[in-house]
Amino acid sequence: GGAANVWGPYTIGYLEWNGTKWVDQSTPVFVSNEEWEHGSVYEPNLIYHDGKWKMWYVAGSNQEDYLVQGYSESVDGRTNWTKHQIFFPAEEKVFDFCVIKTAQGYEAVFSRVFLGKGVPLVTTGLWWCQAKSPTAKISDWSKPVQIMGMSDSPWHLGGPWKPSVQYGENDHNMLFVFFDGLYPRKDPAPFPYV
């Protein structure tokens, strides 16, 4: 979140279970430290794999139409994060990269958004890919397949946001994808309250 301003800059915080309740920690667990992050890191997606916390996150600014998908790792998930690296560059417009473990390896559903003026890009929508292990290089993942475009769900403005994914309990061939979206209103409230 943005401690001083709803518009950022953003850092990533965390809650810790003390045996009775979740306690908000006073200092961020992850902060921007690379020029390409434009001072903000947010929207984390984490998994625990091979003795490390692996995190995909958004860096940049919605207002500048500049979003980069970053990646970093930590043994304890709180300190000593590895050098922040670009997972998807800004021109890909990737907002979230949600990874799950499956019987065949790992799968991810991610969103490409459109924050610019005019008609959304044909790449705007939800995408799916897979890999043998959850690596830091998109080139290690399969070629992404678009599973939903803007024309498939015209009610959302700018594309889908923050997908989460889970296979069905009774039908392991059924993939459920949940996500946020926006639609224009006659009396639009300012972001992020729409």
N, C-alpha and C. Protein backbone atom coordinates (compact mmCIF):
# COMPACT_ATOMS: atom_id res chain seq x y z
N GLY A 1 0.81 -1.19 0.00
CA GLY A 1 0.00 0.00 0.00
C GLY A 1 0.85 1.25 0.00
N GLY A 2 0.18 2.37 -0.09
CA GLY A 2 0.83 3.67 -0.02
C GLY A 2 0.57 4.29 1.33
N ALA A 3 1.55 4.29 2.20
CA ALA A 3 1.38 4.76 3.56
C ALA A 3 1.04 6.25 3.63
N ALA A 4 1.62 7.04 2.76
CA ALA A 4 1.44 8.48 2.82
C ALA A 4 0.36 8.98 1.86
N ASN A 5 0.10 8.25 0.76
CA ASN A 5 -0.81 8.75 -0.26
C ASN A 5 -1.41 7.57 -1.01
N VAL A 6 -2.70 7.61 -1.28
CA VAL A 6 -3.38 6.52 -1.99
C VAL A 6 -2.80 6.32 -3.39
N TRP A 7 -2.15 7.35 -3.96
CA TRP A 7 -1.58 7.26 -5.29
C TRP A 7 -0.15 6.74 -5.28
N GLY A 8 0.40 6.44 -4.11
CA GLY A 8 1.75 5.89 -4.01
C GLY A 8 2.74 6.92 -3.54
N PRO A 9 4.01 6.60 -3.48
CA PRO A 9 4.59 5.34 -3.90
C PRO A 9 4.17 4.18 -3.00
N TYR A 10 4.21 2.96 -3.56
CA TYR A 10 3.74 1.77 -2.86
C TYR A 10 4.90 0.89 -2.41
N THR A 11 4.68 0.22 -1.29
CA THR A 11 5.59 -0.81 -0.79
C THR A 11 4.74 -2.04 -0.47
N ILE A 12 5.38 -3.16 -0.22
CA ILE A 12 4.66 -4.39 0.12
C ILE A 12 4.87 -4.69 1.59
N GLY A 13 3.77 -4.81 2.31
CA GLY A 13 3.81 -5.13 3.73
C GLY A 13 3.34 -6.55 3.97
N TYR A 14 3.21 -6.92 5.24
CA TYR A 14 2.72 -8.25 5.53
C TYR A 14 2.10 -8.31 6.93
N LEU A 15 1.28 -9.32 7.13
CA LEU A 15 0.68 -9.62 8.42
C LEU A 15 1.34 -10.88 8.95
N GLU A 16 1.41 -11.00 10.27
CA GLU A 16 1.99 -12.20 10.86
C GLU A 16 1.03 -12.73 11.93
N TRP A 17 0.78 -14.02 11.92
CA TRP A 17 -0.11 -14.68 12.87
C TRP A 17 0.62 -14.85 14.19
N ASN A 18 0.06 -14.32 15.29
CA ASN A 18 0.73 -14.43 16.59
C ASN A 18 0.14 -15.53 17.46
N GLY A 19 -0.68 -16.40 16.90
CA GLY A 19 -1.33 -17.47 17.64
C GLY A 19 -2.77 -17.15 17.98
N THR A 20 -3.11 -15.87 17.97
CA THR A 20 -4.47 -15.42 18.28
C THR A 20 -5.08 -14.59 17.16
N LYS A 21 -4.25 -13.71 16.58
CA LYS A 21 -4.76 -12.81 15.54
C LYS A 21 -3.63 -12.44 14.58
N TRP A 22 -4.04 -11.86 13.44
CA TRP A 22 -3.09 -11.37 12.46
C TRP A 22 -2.63 -9.99 12.90
N VAL A 23 -1.32 -9.77 12.91
CA VAL A 23 -0.74 -8.50 13.34
C VAL A 23 -0.02 -7.84 12.16
N ASP A 24 -0.44 -6.61 11.85
CA ASP A 24 0.20 -5.84 10.79
C ASP A 24 1.60 -5.44 11.26
N GLN A 25 2.59 -5.68 10.41
CA GLN A 25 3.97 -5.33 10.76
C GLN A 25 4.24 -3.87 10.42
N SER A 26 5.03 -3.21 11.23
CA SER A 26 5.22 -1.77 11.12
C SER A 26 6.08 -1.34 9.93
N THR A 27 6.95 -2.20 9.45
CA THR A 27 7.81 -1.83 8.32
C THR A 27 7.51 -2.70 7.11
N PRO A 28 7.69 -2.16 5.92
CA PRO A 28 7.45 -2.96 4.71
C PRO A 28 8.40 -4.14 4.63
N VAL A 29 7.94 -5.19 3.98
CA VAL A 29 8.78 -6.37 3.77
C VAL A 29 9.52 -6.27 2.43
N PHE A 30 9.04 -5.40 1.54
CA PHE A 30 9.61 -5.29 0.20
C PHE A 30 9.41 -3.87 -0.30
N VAL A 31 10.50 -3.25 -0.75
CA VAL A 31 10.43 -1.87 -1.24
C VAL A 31 11.13 -1.77 -2.60
N SER A 32 10.78 -0.76 -3.33
CA SER A 32 11.41 -0.49 -4.62
C SER A 32 12.88 -0.11 -4.41
N ASN A 33 13.77 -0.70 -5.21
CA ASN A 33 15.18 -0.31 -5.14
C ASN A 33 15.86 -0.28 -6.51
N GLU A 34 15.06 -0.40 -7.57
CA GLU A 34 15.59 -0.35 -8.94
C GLU A 34 14.95 0.83 -9.67
N GLU A 35 15.71 1.49 -10.53
CA GLU A 35 15.19 2.64 -11.26
C GLU A 35 13.96 2.27 -12.10
N TRP A 36 13.96 1.08 -12.71
CA TRP A 36 12.84 0.66 -13.58
C TRP A 36 11.55 0.44 -12.78
N GLU A 37 11.61 0.39 -11.46
CA GLU A 37 10.40 0.21 -10.64
C GLU A 37 9.64 1.52 -10.42
N HIS A 38 10.23 2.64 -10.81
CA HIS A 38 9.60 3.97 -10.69
C HIS A 38 9.10 4.25 -9.27
N GLY A 39 9.78 3.69 -8.26
CA GLY A 39 9.46 4.00 -6.86
C GLY A 39 8.33 3.21 -6.24
N SER A 40 7.66 2.34 -6.99
CA SER A 40 6.52 1.60 -6.44
C SER A 40 6.60 0.11 -6.75
N VAL A 41 6.26 -0.71 -5.74
CA VAL A 41 6.09 -2.15 -5.90
C VAL A 41 4.77 -2.53 -5.23
N TYR A 42 3.98 -3.38 -5.90
CA TYR A 42 2.67 -3.73 -5.35
C TYR A 42 2.12 -4.97 -6.05
N GLU A 43 0.93 -5.43 -5.62
CA GLU A 43 0.25 -6.59 -6.19
C GLU A 43 1.12 -7.85 -6.19
N PRO A 44 1.61 -8.26 -5.01
CA PRO A 44 2.48 -9.45 -4.97
C PRO A 44 1.71 -10.76 -5.15
N ASN A 45 2.34 -11.70 -5.80
CA ASN A 45 1.86 -13.09 -5.89
C ASN A 45 3.04 -13.96 -5.48
N LEU A 46 2.85 -14.75 -4.42
CA LEU A 46 3.94 -15.56 -3.87
C LEU A 46 3.62 -17.03 -3.85
N ILE A 47 4.68 -17.84 -4.02
CA ILE A 47 4.60 -19.27 -3.77
C ILE A 47 5.86 -19.67 -3.02
N TYR A 48 5.79 -20.80 -2.32
CA TYR A 48 6.96 -21.34 -1.65
C TYR A 48 7.42 -22.55 -2.45
N HIS A 49 8.67 -22.51 -2.92
CA HIS A 49 9.19 -23.58 -3.77
C HIS A 49 10.68 -23.72 -3.56
N ASP A 50 11.13 -24.94 -3.40
CA ASP A 50 12.55 -25.26 -3.32
C ASP A 50 13.26 -24.45 -2.21
N GLY A 51 12.59 -24.32 -1.06
CA GLY A 51 13.18 -23.65 0.09
C GLY A 51 13.22 -22.14 0.04
N LYS A 52 12.45 -21.54 -0.91
CA LYS A 52 12.45 -20.08 -1.05
C LYS A 52 11.04 -19.57 -1.33
N TRP A 53 10.80 -18.34 -0.91
CA TRP A 53 9.60 -17.61 -1.32
C TRP A 53 9.91 -16.96 -2.65
N LYS A 54 9.07 -17.21 -3.64
CA LYS A 54 9.24 -16.63 -4.97
C LYS A 54 8.08 -15.66 -5.19
N MET A 55 8.43 -14.44 -5.58
CA MET A 55 7.40 -13.40 -5.69
C MET A 55 7.45 -12.72 -7.06
N TRP A 56 6.27 -12.66 -7.67
CA TRP A 56 6.04 -11.87 -8.87
C TRP A 56 5.25 -10.65 -8.40
N TYR A 57 5.57 -9.48 -8.89
CA TYR A 57 4.92 -8.26 -8.41
C TYR A 57 4.89 -7.21 -9.51
N VAL A 58 4.03 -6.22 -9.32
CA VAL A 58 3.92 -5.10 -10.26
C VAL A 58 4.83 -3.98 -9.77
N ALA A 59 5.48 -3.31 -10.68
CA ALA A 59 6.25 -2.11 -10.38
C ALA A 59 5.84 -1.04 -11.38
N GLY A 60 5.94 0.20 -10.96
CA GLY A 60 5.63 1.29 -11.87
C GLY A 60 4.46 2.12 -11.41
N SER A 61 3.70 2.61 -12.38
CA SER A 61 2.64 3.57 -12.09
C SER A 61 1.48 3.42 -13.08
N ASN A 62 0.28 3.22 -12.54
CA ASN A 62 -0.92 3.17 -13.39
C ASN A 62 -1.12 4.52 -14.09
N GLN A 63 -0.92 5.62 -13.35
CA GLN A 63 -1.14 6.95 -13.91
C GLN A 63 -0.22 7.24 -15.09
N GLU A 64 0.99 6.67 -15.08
CA GLU A 64 1.94 6.87 -16.18
C GLU A 64 1.76 5.84 -17.28
N ASP A 65 0.80 4.90 -17.13
CA ASP A 65 0.63 3.79 -18.07
C ASP A 65 1.95 3.05 -18.23
N TYR A 66 2.62 2.84 -17.09
CA TYR A 66 3.90 2.15 -17.08
C TYR A 66 3.85 1.06 -16.01
N LEU A 67 3.71 -0.18 -16.44
CA LEU A 67 3.65 -1.32 -15.53
C LEU A 67 4.69 -2.35 -15.94
N VAL A 68 5.48 -2.80 -14.98
CA VAL A 68 6.48 -3.83 -15.21
C VAL A 68 6.18 -4.96 -14.24
N GLN A 69 6.29 -6.20 -14.68
CA GLN A 69 6.14 -7.35 -13.80
C GLN A 69 7.53 -7.74 -13.34
N GLY A 70 7.77 -7.63 -12.02
CA GLY A 70 9.07 -7.94 -11.46
C GLY A 70 9.08 -9.30 -10.77
N TYR A 71 10.28 -9.73 -10.36
CA TYR A 71 10.45 -11.02 -9.70
C TYR A 71 11.60 -10.91 -8.70
N SER A 72 11.43 -11.57 -7.54
CA SER A 72 12.49 -11.64 -6.55
C SER A 72 12.24 -12.86 -5.66
N GLU A 73 13.27 -13.29 -4.91
CA GLU A 73 13.18 -14.46 -4.03
C GLU A 73 13.74 -14.12 -2.65
N SER A 74 13.26 -14.84 -1.63
CA SER A 74 13.77 -14.70 -0.27
C SER A 74 13.60 -16.03 0.46
N VAL A 75 14.57 -16.38 1.30
CA VAL A 75 14.48 -17.63 2.07
C VAL A 75 13.38 -17.54 3.13
N ASP A 76 13.28 -16.40 3.83
CA ASP A 76 12.27 -16.28 4.89
C ASP A 76 11.04 -15.48 4.49
N GLY A 77 11.05 -14.87 3.32
CA GLY A 77 9.91 -14.10 2.85
C GLY A 77 9.79 -12.72 3.47
N ARG A 78 10.76 -12.34 4.28
CA ARG A 78 10.74 -11.04 4.96
C ARG A 78 11.98 -10.21 4.70
N THR A 79 13.12 -10.88 4.56
CA THR A 79 14.40 -10.16 4.43
C THR A 79 15.23 -10.76 3.30
N ASN A 80 16.31 -10.09 2.99
CA ASN A 80 17.30 -10.59 2.03
C ASN A 80 16.69 -11.03 0.70
N TRP A 81 15.88 -10.18 0.12
CA TRP A 81 15.32 -10.47 -1.20
C TRP A 81 16.44 -10.37 -2.24
N THR A 82 16.40 -11.26 -3.22
CA THR A 82 17.40 -11.23 -4.28
C THR A 82 17.22 -9.98 -5.13
N LYS A 83 18.21 -9.72 -5.97
CA LYS A 83 18.13 -8.56 -6.86
C LYS A 83 16.81 -8.59 -7.63
N HIS A 84 16.11 -7.47 -7.62
CA HIS A 84 14.84 -7.37 -8.33
C HIS A 84 15.12 -7.44 -9.83
N GLN A 85 14.37 -8.30 -10.51
CA GLN A 85 14.57 -8.43 -11.95
C GLN A 85 13.26 -8.31 -12.71
N ILE A 86 13.37 -7.88 -13.95
CA ILE A 86 12.18 -7.73 -14.79
C ILE A 86 11.76 -9.10 -15.30
N PHE A 87 10.50 -9.44 -15.05
CA PHE A 87 9.93 -10.69 -15.55
C PHE A 87 9.20 -10.43 -16.87
N PHE A 88 8.35 -9.41 -16.92
CA PHE A 88 7.72 -8.92 -18.15
C PHE A 88 8.04 -7.43 -18.26
N PRO A 89 8.54 -6.97 -19.40
CA PRO A 89 8.83 -5.54 -19.56
C PRO A 89 7.54 -4.72 -19.69
N ALA A 90 7.67 -3.41 -19.60
CA ALA A 90 6.52 -2.50 -19.59
C ALA A 90 5.63 -2.63 -20.81
N GLU A 91 6.20 -2.88 -21.99
CA GLU A 91 5.38 -2.94 -23.21
C GLU A 91 4.41 -4.13 -23.21
N GLU A 92 4.63 -5.12 -22.34
CA GLU A 92 3.73 -6.27 -22.25
C GLU A 92 2.45 -5.97 -21.47
N LYS A 93 2.44 -4.89 -20.67
CA LYS A 93 1.26 -4.44 -19.91
C LYS A 93 0.73 -5.51 -18.96
N VAL A 94 1.63 -6.32 -18.37
CA VAL A 94 1.21 -7.39 -17.45
C VAL A 94 1.03 -6.81 -16.06
N PHE A 95 -0.15 -7.05 -15.48
CA PHE A 95 -0.44 -6.51 -14.16
C PHE A 95 -0.23 -7.56 -13.06
N ASP A 96 -0.64 -8.77 -13.27
CA ASP A 96 -0.51 -9.81 -12.25
C ASP A 96 -0.08 -11.11 -12.89
N PHE A 97 0.67 -11.91 -12.14
CA PHE A 97 1.12 -13.22 -12.60
C PHE A 97 0.88 -14.18 -11.44
N CYS A 98 -0.21 -14.93 -11.50
CA CYS A 98 -0.64 -15.81 -10.40
C CYS A 98 -0.24 -17.25 -10.72
N VAL A 99 0.66 -17.81 -9.91
CA VAL A 99 1.23 -19.14 -10.14
C VAL A 99 0.62 -20.16 -9.18
N ILE A 100 0.31 -21.37 -9.71
CA ILE A 100 -0.13 -22.48 -8.86
C ILE A 100 0.64 -23.74 -9.23
N LYS A 101 0.78 -24.63 -8.26
CA LYS A 101 1.41 -25.93 -8.49
C LYS A 101 0.34 -26.89 -8.99
N THR A 102 0.69 -27.69 -9.98
CA THR A 102 -0.23 -28.68 -10.52
C THR A 102 0.49 -30.03 -10.60
N ALA A 103 -0.23 -31.06 -10.97
CA ALA A 103 0.36 -32.40 -11.09
C ALA A 103 1.45 -32.44 -12.17
N GLN A 104 1.35 -31.58 -13.19
CA GLN A 104 2.31 -31.57 -14.28
C GLN A 104 3.46 -30.58 -14.07
N GLY A 105 3.39 -29.76 -13.04
CA GLY A 105 4.42 -28.75 -12.80
C GLY A 105 3.79 -27.50 -12.21
N TYR A 106 3.86 -26.41 -12.98
CA TYR A 106 3.31 -25.13 -12.52
C TYR A 106 2.56 -24.47 -13.66
N GLU A 107 1.50 -23.78 -13.30
CA GLU A 107 0.71 -23.02 -14.26
C GLU A 107 0.54 -21.61 -13.73
N ALA A 108 0.32 -20.68 -14.64
CA ALA A 108 0.08 -19.30 -14.25
C ALA A 108 -1.02 -18.71 -15.11
N VAL A 109 -1.84 -17.89 -14.48
CA VAL A 109 -2.80 -17.06 -15.18
C VAL A 109 -2.39 -15.63 -14.90
N PHE A 110 -2.35 -14.81 -15.95
CA PHE A 110 -1.96 -13.43 -15.74
C PHE A 110 -2.84 -12.50 -16.57
N SER A 111 -2.86 -11.24 -16.15
CA SER A 111 -3.67 -10.25 -16.85
C SER A 111 -2.79 -9.25 -17.58
N ARG A 112 -3.24 -8.91 -18.77
CA ARG A 112 -2.65 -7.80 -19.51
C ARG A 112 -3.72 -6.72 -19.53
N VAL A 113 -3.35 -5.52 -19.13
CA VAL A 113 -4.31 -4.43 -19.00
C VAL A 113 -4.02 -3.33 -20.01
N PHE A 114 -4.97 -2.42 -20.14
CA PHE A 114 -4.81 -1.29 -21.04
C PHE A 114 -5.19 -0.03 -20.28
N LEU A 115 -4.22 0.84 -20.04
CA LEU A 115 -4.47 2.07 -19.29
C LEU A 115 -4.39 3.31 -20.17
N GLY A 116 -4.04 3.12 -21.43
CA GLY A 116 -3.88 4.25 -22.34
C GLY A 116 -5.21 4.79 -22.85
N LYS A 117 -5.11 5.74 -23.73
CA LYS A 117 -6.29 6.34 -24.36
C LYS A 117 -6.64 5.55 -25.61
N GLY A 118 -7.92 5.59 -25.99
CA GLY A 118 -8.34 4.94 -27.22
C GLY A 118 -8.84 3.52 -27.00
N VAL A 119 -8.72 2.72 -28.03
CA VAL A 119 -9.23 1.35 -28.03
C VAL A 119 -8.20 0.42 -27.38
N PRO A 120 -8.65 -0.46 -26.47
CA PRO A 120 -7.71 -1.41 -25.84
C PRO A 120 -7.00 -2.28 -26.88
N LEU A 121 -5.80 -2.69 -26.54
CA LEU A 121 -5.01 -3.56 -27.40
C LEU A 121 -5.65 -4.95 -27.47
N VAL A 122 -5.43 -5.67 -28.55
CA VAL A 122 -5.98 -7.03 -28.69
C VAL A 122 -5.37 -7.98 -27.66
N THR A 123 -4.23 -7.62 -27.10
CA THR A 123 -3.59 -8.46 -26.08
C THR A 123 -4.21 -8.27 -24.69
N THR A 124 -5.08 -7.27 -24.53
CA THR A 124 -5.72 -7.04 -23.24
C THR A 124 -6.60 -8.23 -22.89
N GLY A 125 -6.46 -8.76 -21.68
CA GLY A 125 -7.28 -9.89 -21.25
C GLY A 125 -6.51 -10.81 -20.32
N LEU A 126 -7.02 -12.03 -20.19
CA LEU A 126 -6.41 -13.05 -19.34
C LEU A 126 -5.61 -14.03 -20.18
N TRP A 127 -4.47 -14.44 -19.66
CA TRP A 127 -3.56 -15.34 -20.36
C TRP A 127 -3.16 -16.49 -19.45
N TRP A 128 -2.78 -17.62 -20.04
CA TRP A 128 -2.37 -18.82 -19.31
C TRP A 128 -1.05 -19.33 -19.90
N CYS A 129 -0.19 -19.85 -19.02
CA CYS A 129 1.04 -20.53 -19.46
C CYS A 129 1.44 -21.57 -18.41
N GLN A 130 2.43 -22.40 -18.75
CA GLN A 130 2.87 -23.45 -17.82
C GLN A 130 4.39 -23.61 -17.89
N ALA A 131 4.94 -24.24 -16.84
CA ALA A 131 6.38 -24.50 -16.78
C ALA A 131 6.63 -25.71 -15.88
N LYS A 132 7.79 -26.34 -16.05
CA LYS A 132 8.16 -27.47 -15.19
C LYS A 132 8.45 -27.00 -13.78
N SER A 133 9.05 -25.81 -13.66
CA SER A 133 9.30 -25.23 -12.34
C SER A 133 9.05 -23.72 -12.41
N PRO A 134 8.76 -23.09 -11.29
CA PRO A 134 8.44 -21.66 -11.29
C PRO A 134 9.70 -20.80 -11.35
N THR A 135 10.20 -20.58 -12.54
CA THR A 135 11.46 -19.88 -12.70
C THR A 135 11.28 -18.37 -12.85
N ALA A 136 12.40 -17.67 -12.78
CA ALA A 136 12.43 -16.22 -12.87
C ALA A 136 12.46 -15.70 -14.30
N LYS A 137 12.47 -16.60 -15.29
CA LYS A 137 12.54 -16.18 -16.69
C LYS A 137 11.26 -16.59 -17.42
N ILE A 138 10.60 -15.62 -18.04
CA ILE A 138 9.39 -15.94 -18.80
C ILE A 138 9.72 -16.87 -19.96
N SER A 139 10.94 -16.86 -20.44
CA SER A 139 11.32 -17.74 -21.55
C SER A 139 11.30 -19.22 -21.14
N ASP A 140 11.32 -19.51 -19.84
CA ASP A 140 11.23 -20.90 -19.35
C ASP A 140 9.79 -21.39 -19.30
N TRP A 141 8.84 -20.49 -19.47
CA TRP A 141 7.43 -20.83 -19.45
C TRP A 141 6.95 -21.07 -20.89
N SER A 142 5.84 -21.80 -21.03
CA SER A 142 5.30 -22.06 -22.37
C SER A 142 4.83 -20.75 -23.02
N LYS A 143 4.61 -20.81 -24.32
CA LYS A 143 4.07 -19.65 -25.03
C LYS A 143 2.68 -19.35 -24.44
N PRO A 144 2.44 -18.11 -23.98
CA PRO A 144 1.15 -17.79 -23.37
C PRO A 144 -0.02 -17.94 -24.34
N VAL A 145 -1.14 -18.41 -23.80
CA VAL A 145 -2.38 -18.58 -24.55
C VAL A 145 -3.43 -17.65 -23.96
N GLN A 146 -4.07 -16.84 -24.80
CA GLN A 146 -5.10 -15.94 -24.30
C GLN A 146 -6.37 -16.74 -24.02
N ILE A 147 -6.86 -16.65 -22.78
CA ILE A 147 -8.08 -17.38 -22.40
C ILE A 147 -9.30 -16.47 -22.31
N MET A 148 -9.11 -15.15 -22.31
CA MET A 148 -10.22 -14.21 -22.35
C MET A 148 -9.71 -12.87 -22.87
N GLY A 149 -10.39 -12.34 -23.86
CA GLY A 149 -10.05 -11.03 -24.40
C GLY A 149 -11.09 -10.00 -24.00
N MET A 150 -10.89 -8.78 -24.42
CA MET A 150 -11.85 -7.72 -24.10
C MET A 150 -13.22 -7.98 -24.70
N SER A 151 -13.27 -8.55 -25.89
CA SER A 151 -14.56 -8.78 -26.54
C SER A 151 -15.36 -9.88 -25.84
N ASP A 152 -14.68 -10.74 -25.08
CA ASP A 152 -15.37 -11.81 -24.35
C ASP A 152 -16.08 -11.30 -23.11
N SER A 153 -15.69 -10.16 -22.60
CA SER A 153 -16.27 -9.63 -21.37
C SER A 153 -16.20 -8.11 -21.41
N PRO A 154 -17.08 -7.47 -22.18
CA PRO A 154 -16.97 -6.03 -22.42
C PRO A 154 -17.32 -5.15 -21.22
N TRP A 155 -17.76 -5.71 -20.12
CA TRP A 155 -18.13 -4.88 -18.97
C TRP A 155 -16.93 -4.31 -18.25
N HIS A 156 -15.75 -4.85 -18.43
CA HIS A 156 -14.62 -4.31 -17.67
C HIS A 156 -13.83 -3.31 -18.48
N LEU A 157 -13.39 -2.28 -17.80
CA LEU A 157 -12.69 -1.16 -18.39
C LEU A 157 -11.19 -1.32 -18.16
N GLY A 158 -10.42 -1.37 -19.19
CA GLY A 158 -8.98 -1.46 -19.04
C GLY A 158 -8.45 -2.87 -18.92
N GLY A 159 -9.34 -3.86 -18.82
CA GLY A 159 -8.91 -5.24 -18.72
C GLY A 159 -9.18 -5.85 -17.37
N PRO A 160 -8.88 -7.13 -17.23
CA PRO A 160 -9.07 -7.83 -15.95
C PRO A 160 -7.91 -7.52 -15.01
N TRP A 161 -8.19 -7.52 -13.73
CA TRP A 161 -7.20 -7.20 -12.71
C TRP A 161 -7.14 -8.32 -11.68
N LYS A 162 -5.97 -8.61 -11.17
CA LYS A 162 -5.71 -9.51 -10.04
C LYS A 162 -6.39 -10.88 -10.15
N PRO A 163 -6.04 -11.65 -11.19
CA PRO A 163 -6.64 -12.99 -11.28
C PRO A 163 -6.11 -13.93 -10.20
N SER A 164 -6.97 -14.81 -9.76
CA SER A 164 -6.57 -15.94 -8.92
C SER A 164 -7.13 -17.18 -9.60
N VAL A 165 -6.52 -18.33 -9.36
CA VAL A 165 -6.84 -19.52 -10.14
C VAL A 165 -6.82 -20.75 -9.26
N GLN A 166 -7.73 -21.68 -9.55
CA GLN A 166 -7.81 -22.93 -8.79
C GLN A 166 -8.51 -23.99 -9.64
N TYR A 167 -7.98 -25.20 -9.62
CA TYR A 167 -8.68 -26.30 -10.29
C TYR A 167 -9.82 -26.78 -9.42
N GLY A 168 -10.88 -27.32 -10.05
CA GLY A 168 -12.05 -27.80 -9.34
C GLY A 168 -11.75 -28.97 -8.41
N GLU A 169 -12.44 -29.03 -7.28
CA GLU A 169 -12.24 -30.12 -6.32
C GLU A 169 -12.73 -31.45 -6.88
N ASN A 170 -13.86 -31.43 -7.59
CA ASN A 170 -14.46 -32.65 -8.12
C ASN A 170 -14.10 -32.92 -9.57
N ASP A 171 -13.79 -31.87 -10.30
CA ASP A 171 -13.41 -32.01 -11.71
C ASP A 171 -12.05 -31.35 -11.90
N HIS A 172 -11.01 -32.15 -11.91
CA HIS A 172 -9.66 -31.62 -11.99
C HIS A 172 -9.31 -31.08 -13.38
N ASN A 173 -10.24 -31.19 -14.32
CA ASN A 173 -10.06 -30.59 -15.63
C ASN A 173 -10.70 -29.22 -15.73
N MET A 174 -11.41 -28.81 -14.66
CA MET A 174 -12.11 -27.53 -14.66
C MET A 174 -11.25 -26.50 -13.94
N LEU A 175 -10.84 -25.47 -14.67
CA LEU A 175 -10.02 -24.40 -14.11
C LEU A 175 -10.90 -23.19 -13.84
N PHE A 176 -10.91 -22.74 -12.59
CA PHE A 176 -11.68 -21.56 -12.20
C PHE A 176 -10.74 -20.37 -12.10
N VAL A 177 -11.10 -19.27 -12.75
CA VAL A 177 -10.31 -18.05 -12.70
C VAL A 177 -11.21 -16.93 -12.19
N PHE A 178 -10.79 -16.29 -11.12
CA PHE A 178 -11.51 -15.15 -10.54
C PHE A 178 -10.67 -13.91 -10.76
N PHE A 179 -11.31 -12.77 -11.03
CA PHE A 179 -10.57 -11.54 -11.26
C PHE A 179 -11.46 -10.34 -10.99
N ASP A 180 -10.84 -9.19 -10.86
CA ASP A 180 -11.56 -7.92 -10.70
C ASP A 180 -11.73 -7.27 -12.06
N GLY A 181 -12.69 -6.36 -12.12
CA GLY A 181 -12.88 -5.57 -13.33
C GLY A 181 -13.54 -4.26 -12.98
N LEU A 182 -13.55 -3.34 -13.93
CA LEU A 182 -14.18 -2.04 -13.74
C LEU A 182 -15.16 -1.81 -14.87
N TYR A 183 -16.16 -1.00 -14.62
CA TYR A 183 -17.04 -0.58 -15.69
C TYR A 183 -17.32 0.91 -15.52
N PRO A 184 -17.54 1.63 -16.64
CA PRO A 184 -17.77 3.07 -16.54
C PRO A 184 -19.10 3.38 -15.90
N ARG A 185 -19.11 4.44 -15.09
CA ARG A 185 -20.33 4.89 -14.43
C ARG A 185 -20.65 6.31 -14.88
N LYS A 186 -21.92 6.70 -14.72
CA LYS A 186 -22.31 8.06 -15.07
C LYS A 186 -21.69 9.07 -14.11
N ASP A 187 -21.53 8.67 -12.87
CA ASP A 187 -20.92 9.54 -11.86
C ASP A 187 -19.67 8.85 -11.30
N PRO A 188 -18.61 8.74 -12.13
CA PRO A 188 -17.44 7.97 -11.71
C PRO A 188 -16.77 8.52 -10.46
N ALA A 189 -16.54 7.63 -9.52
CA ALA A 189 -15.77 7.99 -8.34
C ALA A 189 -14.30 7.83 -8.70
N PRO A 190 -13.40 8.51 -8.01
CA PRO A 190 -11.99 8.38 -8.36
C PRO A 190 -11.42 7.01 -8.00
N PHE A 191 -10.42 6.59 -8.79
CA PHE A 191 -9.68 5.36 -8.48
C PHE A 191 -9.10 5.52 -7.08
N PRO A 192 -9.05 4.51 -6.22
CA PRO A 192 -9.42 3.13 -6.47
C PRO A 192 -10.81 2.78 -5.96
N TYR A 193 -11.66 3.77 -5.83
CA TYR A 193 -12.95 3.55 -5.19
C TYR A 193 -14.08 3.21 -6.15
N VAL A 194 -13.76 2.92 -7.41
CA VAL A 194 -14.79 2.55 -8.38
C VAL A 194 -15.14 1.09 -8.20
